[in-house]
PDB file of N, CA and C in Angstrom:
ATOM      1  N   MET A   1       0.626  -1.125  -0.015  1.00  0.00           N
ATOM      2  CA  MET A   1       0.091   0.020  -0.107  1.00  0.00           C
ATOM      3  C   MET A   1       0.595   1.139  -0.023  1.00  0.00           C
ATOM      4  N   GLN A   2       0.617   2.168  -0.716  1.00  0.00           N
ATOM      5  CA  GLN A   2       1.214   3.586  -0.580  1.00  0.00           C
ATOM      6  C   GLN A   2       0.300   4.622  -0.328  1.00  0.00           C
ATOM      7  N   VAL A   3       0.978   5.603   0.353  1.00  0.00           N
ATOM      8  CA  VAL A   3       0.179   6.606   0.554  1.00  0.00           C
ATOM      9  C   VAL A   3       0.620   8.105   0.025  1.00  0.00           C
ATOM     10  N   LYS A   4       0.037   8.698  -0.631  1.00  0.00           N
ATOM     11  CA  LYS A   4       0.567   9.971  -1.516  1.00  0.00           C
ATOM     12  C   LYS A   4       0.404  11.119  -0.314  1.00  0.00           C
ATOM     13  N   ILE A   5       1.618  11.530   0.101  1.00  0.00           N
ATOM     14  CA  ILE A   5       1.768  12.945   0.885  1.00  0.00           C
ATOM     15  C   ILE A   5       1.847  14.064   0.203  1.00  0.00           C
ATOM     16  N   THR A   6       0.946  14.930   0.460  1.00  0.00           N
ATOM     17  CA  THR A   6       1.148  16.184  -0.337  1.00  0.00           C
ATOM     18  C   THR A   6       0.960  17.613   0.777  1.00  0.00           C
ATOM     19  N   GLY A   7       2.162  18.372   0.470  1.00  0.00           N
ATOM     20  CA  GLY A   7       2.149  19.614   1.461  1.00  0.00           C
ATOM     21  C   GLY A   7       2.065  20.787   0.659  1.00  0.00           C
ATOM     22  N   THR A   8       2.043  21.828   1.160  1.00  0.00           N
ATOM     23  CA  THR A   8       2.062  23.278   0.570  1.00  0.00           C
ATOM     24  C   THR A   8       3.511  23.542  -0.071  1.00  0.00           C
ATOM     25  N   ASN A   9       4.470  22.884   0.476  1.00  0.00           N
ATOM     26  CA  ASN A   9       5.849  22.987  -0.215  1.00  0.00           C
ATOM     27  C   ASN A   9       6.666  21.644   0.095  1.00  0.00           C
ATOM     28  N   ALA A  10       8.004  21.844   0.072  1.00  0.00           N
ATOM     29  CA  ALA A  10       8.790  20.525   0.270  1.00  0.00           C
ATOM     30  C   ALA A  10       8.962  20.355   1.823  1.00  0.00           C
ATOM     31  N   ILE A  11       8.909  21.503   2.542  1.00  0.00           N
ATOM     32  CA  ILE A  11       9.376  21.404   3.891  1.00  0.00           C
ATOM     33  C   ILE A  11       7.770  21.000   4.456  1.00  0.00           C
ATOM     34  N   ASP A  12       6.951  21.538   4.169  1.00  0.00           N
ATOM     35  CA  ASP A  12       5.508  21.019   4.596  1.00  0.00           C
ATOM     36  C   ASP A  12       5.428  19.547   4.572  1.00  0.00           C
ATOM     37  N   ALA A  13       5.750  18.944   3.275  1.00  0.00           N
ATOM     38  CA  ALA A  13       5.463  17.627   2.848  1.00  0.00           C
ATOM     39  C   ALA A  13       6.499  16.651   3.831  1.00  0.00           C
ATOM     40  N   ASP A  14       7.690  17.210   3.989  1.00  0.00           N
ATOM     41  CA  ASP A  14       8.632  16.438   5.002  1.00  0.00           C
ATOM     42  C   ASP A  14       8.126  16.416   6.341  1.00  0.00           C
ATOM     43  N   LYS A  15       7.643  17.480   6.883  1.00  0.00           N
ATOM     44  CA  LYS A  15       6.890  17.622   8.202  1.00  0.00           C
ATOM     45  C   LYS A  15       5.771  16.548   8.205  1.00  0.00           C
ATOM     46  N   ARG A  16       4.928  16.559   7.120  1.00  0.00           N
ATOM     47  CA  ARG A  16       3.843  15.384   7.117  1.00  0.00           C
ATOM     48  C   ARG A  16       4.425  13.930   7.002  1.00  0.00           C
ATOM     49  N   LEU A  17       5.488  13.777   6.345  1.00  0.00           N
ATOM     50  CA  LEU A  17       5.954  12.409   6.241  1.00  0.00           C
ATOM     51  C   LEU A  17       6.431  12.059   7.485  1.00  0.00           C
ATOM     52  N   SER A  18       7.117  12.984   8.313  1.00  0.00           N
ATOM     53  CA  SER A  18       7.679  12.631   9.509  1.00  0.00           C
ATOM     54  C   SER A  18       6.579  12.325  10.642  1.00  0.00           C
ATOM     55  N   ALA A  19       5.455  12.981  10.498  1.00  0.00           N
ATOM     56  CA  ALA A  19       4.288  12.954  11.312  1.00  0.00           C
ATOM     57  C   ALA A  19       3.755  11.343  11.206  1.00  0.00           C
ATOM     58  N   ILE A  20       3.495  11.249  10.018  1.00  0.00           N
ATOM     59  CA  ILE A  20       2.846  10.042   9.453  1.00  0.00           C
ATOM     60  C   ILE A  20       3.792   8.740   9.800  1.00  0.00           C
ATOM     61  N   GLU A  21       5.064   8.816   9.861  1.00  0.00           N
ATOM     62  CA  GLU A  21       5.938   7.812  10.194  1.00  0.00           C
ATOM     63  C   GLU A  21       5.864   7.317  11.600  1.00  0.00           C
ATOM     64  N   LYS A  22       5.527   8.706  12.324  1.00  0.00           N
ATOM     65  CA  LYS A  22       5.406   8.457  14.055  1.00  0.00           C
ATOM     66  C   LYS A  22       4.217   7.610  14.355  1.00  0.00           C
ATOM     67  N   LEU A  23       3.053   8.112  13.553  1.00  0.00           N
ATOM     68  CA  LEU A  23       1.769   7.500  13.577  1.00  0.00           C
ATOM     69  C   LEU A  23       1.745   6.086  13.358  1.00  0.00           C
ATOM     70  N   ASN A  24       2.391   5.652  12.323  1.00  0.00           N
ATOM     71  CA  ASN A  24       2.706   4.388  11.896  1.00  0.00           C
ATOM     72  C   ASN A  24       3.124   3.405  12.843  1.00  0.00           C
ATOM     73  N   LYS A  25       3.911   3.868  13.827  1.00  0.00           N
ATOM     74  CA  LYS A  25       4.144   3.039  14.835  1.00  0.00           C
ATOM     75  C   LYS A  25       3.452   2.666  15.764  1.00  0.00           C
ATOM     76  N   LEU A  26       2.311   3.616  16.066  1.00  0.00           N
ATOM     77  CA  LEU A  26       1.381   3.471  17.181  1.00  0.00           C
ATOM     78  C   LEU A  26       0.555   2.136  16.933  1.00  0.00           C
ATOM     79  N   PRO A  27       0.231   1.694  18.090  1.00  0.00           N
ATOM     80  CA  PRO A  27      -0.851   0.510  18.070  1.00  0.00           C
ATOM     81  C   PRO A  27      -2.029   0.964  17.283  1.00  0.00           C
ATOM     82  N   THR A  28      -2.693   0.109  16.520  1.00  0.00           N
ATOM     83  CA  THR A  28      -4.027   0.139  15.711  1.00  0.00           C
ATOM     84  C   THR A  28      -5.129   0.845  16.636  1.00  0.00           C
ATOM     85  N   GLU A  29      -5.191   0.575  18.009  1.00  0.00           N
ATOM     86  CA  GLU A  29      -6.323   1.030  18.867  1.00  0.00           C
ATOM     87  C   GLU A  29      -5.938   2.406  18.979  1.00  0.00           C
ATOM     88  N   VAL A  30      -4.951   2.866  19.208  1.00  0.00           N
ATOM     89  CA  VAL A  30      -4.595   4.290  19.352  1.00  0.00           C
ATOM     90  C   VAL A  30      -4.750   4.937  18.183  1.00  0.00           C
ATOM     91  N   LEU A  31      -4.279   4.609  17.113  1.00  0.00           N
ATOM     92  CA  LEU A  31      -4.811   5.119  15.787  1.00  0.00           C
ATOM     93  C   LEU A  31      -6.107   5.349  15.441  1.00  0.00           C
ATOM     94  N   LYS A  32      -6.845   4.530  16.166  1.00  0.00           N
ATOM     95  CA  LYS A  32      -8.390   4.474  15.616  1.00  0.00           C
ATOM     96  C   LYS A  32      -8.934   5.722  16.569  1.00  0.00           C
ATOM     97  N   ASN A  33      -8.543   5.561  17.901  1.00  0.00           N
ATOM     98  CA  ASN A  33      -8.662   6.792  18.766  1.00  0.00           C
ATOM     99  C   ASN A  33      -8.439   8.225  18.259  1.00  0.00           C
ATOM    100  N   ILE A  34      -7.211   8.441  17.918  1.00  0.00           N
ATOM    101  CA  ILE A  34      -6.711   9.520  17.357  1.00  0.00           C
ATOM    102  C   ILE A  34      -7.475   9.845  16.030  1.00  0.00           C
ATOM    103  N   SER A  35      -8.020   9.025  15.270  1.00  0.00           N
ATOM    104  CA  SER A  35      -8.691   9.332  14.027  1.00  0.00           C
ATOM    105  C   SER A  35     -10.326   9.767  14.444  1.00  0.00           C
ATOM    106  N   THR A  36     -10.700   9.377  15.542  1.00  0.00           N
ATOM    107  CA  THR A  36     -12.128   9.912  16.036  1.00  0.00           C
ATOM    108  C   THR A  36     -12.134  11.585  16.268  1.00  0.00           C
ATOM    109  N   LEU A  37     -10.601  11.964  16.678  1.00  0.00           N
ATOM    110  CA  LEU A  37     -10.434  13.346  16.975  1.00  0.00           C
ATOM    111  C   LEU A  37     -10.418  14.412  15.727  1.00  0.00           C
ATOM    112  N   CYS A  38     -10.174  13.514  14.595  1.00  0.00           N
ATOM    113  CA  CYS A  38     -10.113  14.244  13.304  1.00  0.00           C
ATOM    114  C   CYS A  38     -11.705  14.594  12.607  1.00  0.00           C
ATOM    115  N   ASP A  39     -12.665  13.829  13.201  1.00  0.00           N
ATOM    116  CA  ASP A  39     -14.135  14.189  12.898  1.00  0.00           C
ATOM    117  C   ASP A  39     -14.686  15.046  13.834  1.00  0.00           C
ATOM    118  N   ASN A  40     -14.005  15.548  14.888  1.00  0.00           N
ATOM    119  CA  ASN A  40     -14.186  16.689  15.785  1.00  0.00           C
ATOM    120  C   ASN A  40     -13.620  17.991  15.563  1.00  0.00           C
ATOM    121  N   GLU A  41     -14.451  18.926  14.882  1.00  0.00           N
ATOM    122  CA  GLU A  41     -13.992  20.210  14.466  1.00  0.00           C
ATOM    123  C   GLU A  41     -13.400  20.984  15.911  1.00  0.00           C
ATOM    124  N   LYS A  42     -13.995  20.799  17.002  1.00  0.00           N
ATOM    125  CA  LYS A  42     -13.332  21.544  18.063  1.00  0.00           C
ATOM    126  C   LYS A  42     -12.075  21.032  18.514  1.00  0.00           C
ATOM    127  N   ALA A  43     -11.781  19.562  18.412  1.00  0.00           N
ATOM    128  CA  ALA A  43     -10.374  19.097  18.858  1.00  0.00           C
ATOM    129  C   ALA A  43      -9.421  19.390  17.687  1.00  0.00           C
ATOM    130  N   VAL A  44      -9.824  19.333  16.544  1.00  0.00           N
ATOM    131  CA  VAL A  44      -8.849  19.927  15.316  1.00  0.00           C
ATOM    132  C   VAL A  44      -8.412  21.498  15.553  1.00  0.00           C
ATOM    133  N   ASP A  45      -9.266  22.374  16.025  1.00  0.00           N
ATOM    134  CA  ASP A  45      -9.116  23.543  16.189  1.00  0.00           C
ATOM    135  C   ASP A  45      -8.199  23.741  17.352  1.00  0.00           C
ATOM    136  N   TYR A  46      -8.379  22.785  18.381  1.00  0.00           N
ATOM    137  CA  TYR A  46      -7.502  22.907  19.644  1.00  0.00           C
ATOM    138  C   TYR A  46      -6.090  22.351  19.293  1.00  0.00           C
ATOM    139  N   LEU A  47      -6.177  21.380  18.405  1.00  0.00           N
ATOM    140  CA  LEU A  47      -4.697  20.826  18.162  1.00  0.00           C
ATOM    141  C   LEU A  47      -3.817  21.895  16.979  1.00  0.00           C
ATOM    142  N   LYS A  48      -4.551  22.822  16.350  1.00  0.00           N
ATOM    143  CA  LYS A  48      -3.948  23.812  15.709  1.00  0.00           C
ATOM    144  C   LYS A  48      -3.183  24.885  16.514  1.00  0.00           C
ATOM    145  N   ASP A  49      -3.569  25.041  17.752  1.00  0.00           N
ATOM    146  CA  ASP A  49      -3.086  25.854  18.350  1.00  0.00           C
ATOM    147  C   ASP A  49      -1.829  25.592  19.207  1.00  0.00           C
ATOM    148  N   GLU A  50      -0.489  25.971  19.002  1.00  0.00           N
ATOM    149  CA  GLU A  50       0.555  25.533  19.419  1.00  0.00           C
ATOM    150  C   GLU A  50       0.659  25.692  21.184  1.00  0.00           C
ATOM    151  N   SER A  51      -0.232  26.695  21.692  1.00  0.00           N
ATOM    152  CA  SER A  51      -0.274  26.745  23.193  1.00  0.00           C
ATOM    153  C   SER A  51      -1.118  25.754  23.733  1.00  0.00           C
ATOM    154  N   SER A  52      -2.178  25.212  23.027  1.00  0.00           N
ATOM    155  CA  SER A  52      -2.794  24.146  23.500  1.00  0.00           C
ATOM    156  C   SER A  52      -2.485  22.908  23.497  1.00  0.00           C
ATOM    157  N   VAL A  53      -1.550  22.635  22.398  1.00  0.00           N
ATOM    158  CA  VAL A  53      -0.577  21.396  22.386  1.00  0.00           C
ATOM    159  C   VAL A  53       0.302  21.379  23.516  1.00  0.00           C
ATOM    160  N   GLY A  54       0.811  22.584  23.718  1.00  0.00           N
ATOM    161  CA  GLY A  54       1.868  22.770  25.022  1.00  0.00           C
ATOM    162  C   GLY A  54       1.358  22.434  26.171  1.00  0.00           C
ATOM    163  N   ILE A  55       0.035  22.922  26.489  1.00  0.00           N
ATOM    164  CA  ILE A  55      -0.729  22.302  27.616  1.00  0.00           C
ATOM    165  C   ILE A  55      -1.000  21.034  28.006  1.00  0.00           C
ATOM    166  N   ILE A  56      -1.527  20.379  26.802  1.00  0.00           N
ATOM    167  CA  ILE A  56      -1.527  18.819  26.983  1.00  0.00           C
ATOM    168  C   ILE A  56      -0.280  18.109  27.072  1.00  0.00           C
ATOM    169  N   THR A  57       0.720  18.433  26.346  1.00  0.00           N
ATOM    170  CA  THR A  57       2.114  18.029  26.456  1.00  0.00           C
ATOM    171  C   THR A  57       2.551  18.043  28.097  1.00  0.00           C
ATOM    172  N   SER A  58       2.457  19.338  28.572  1.00  0.00           N
ATOM    173  CA  SER A  58       2.777  19.546  29.781  1.00  0.00           C
ATOM    174  C   SER A  58       1.989  18.707  30.696  1.00  0.00           C
ATOM    175  N   PHE A  59       0.554  18.467  30.594  1.00  0.00           N
ATOM    176  CA  PHE A  59      -0.212  18.004  31.740  1.00  0.00           C
ATOM    177  C   PHE A  59       0.037  16.470  31.438  1.00  0.00           C
ATOM    178  N   LEU A  60       0.294  15.779  30.313  1.00  0.00           N
ATOM    179  CA  LEU A  60       0.590  14.389  30.269  1.00  0.00           C
ATOM    180  C   LEU A  60       1.940  13.992  30.827  1.00  0.00           C
ATOM    181  N   GLY A  61       2.787  14.867  30.938  1.00  0.00           N
ATOM    182  CA  GLY A  61       4.257  14.755  31.312  1.00  0.00           C
ATOM    183  C   GLY A  61       5.147  14.464  30.159  1.00  0.00           C
TER     184      GLY A  61
END
C-alpha cells in the first residue's frame, strides 16, 4: 500500500511524512482513537494552536 503525501511545499511535505511515520508506529487502537479526533472540529481547532498542544504535553508529562 502506498500513501501519497502532499504539502504546500517541500518542507511541509517533509513534516507530514515525519508525522505519518510516527503515527505508523502506534498500535491500531491508538490510531483509531486519534482518528476519531479528526471528526471533531473543536478537537482539530484545539490541536492547531501551539499553546493548547503545549498544555496537553505539559499535563501528560
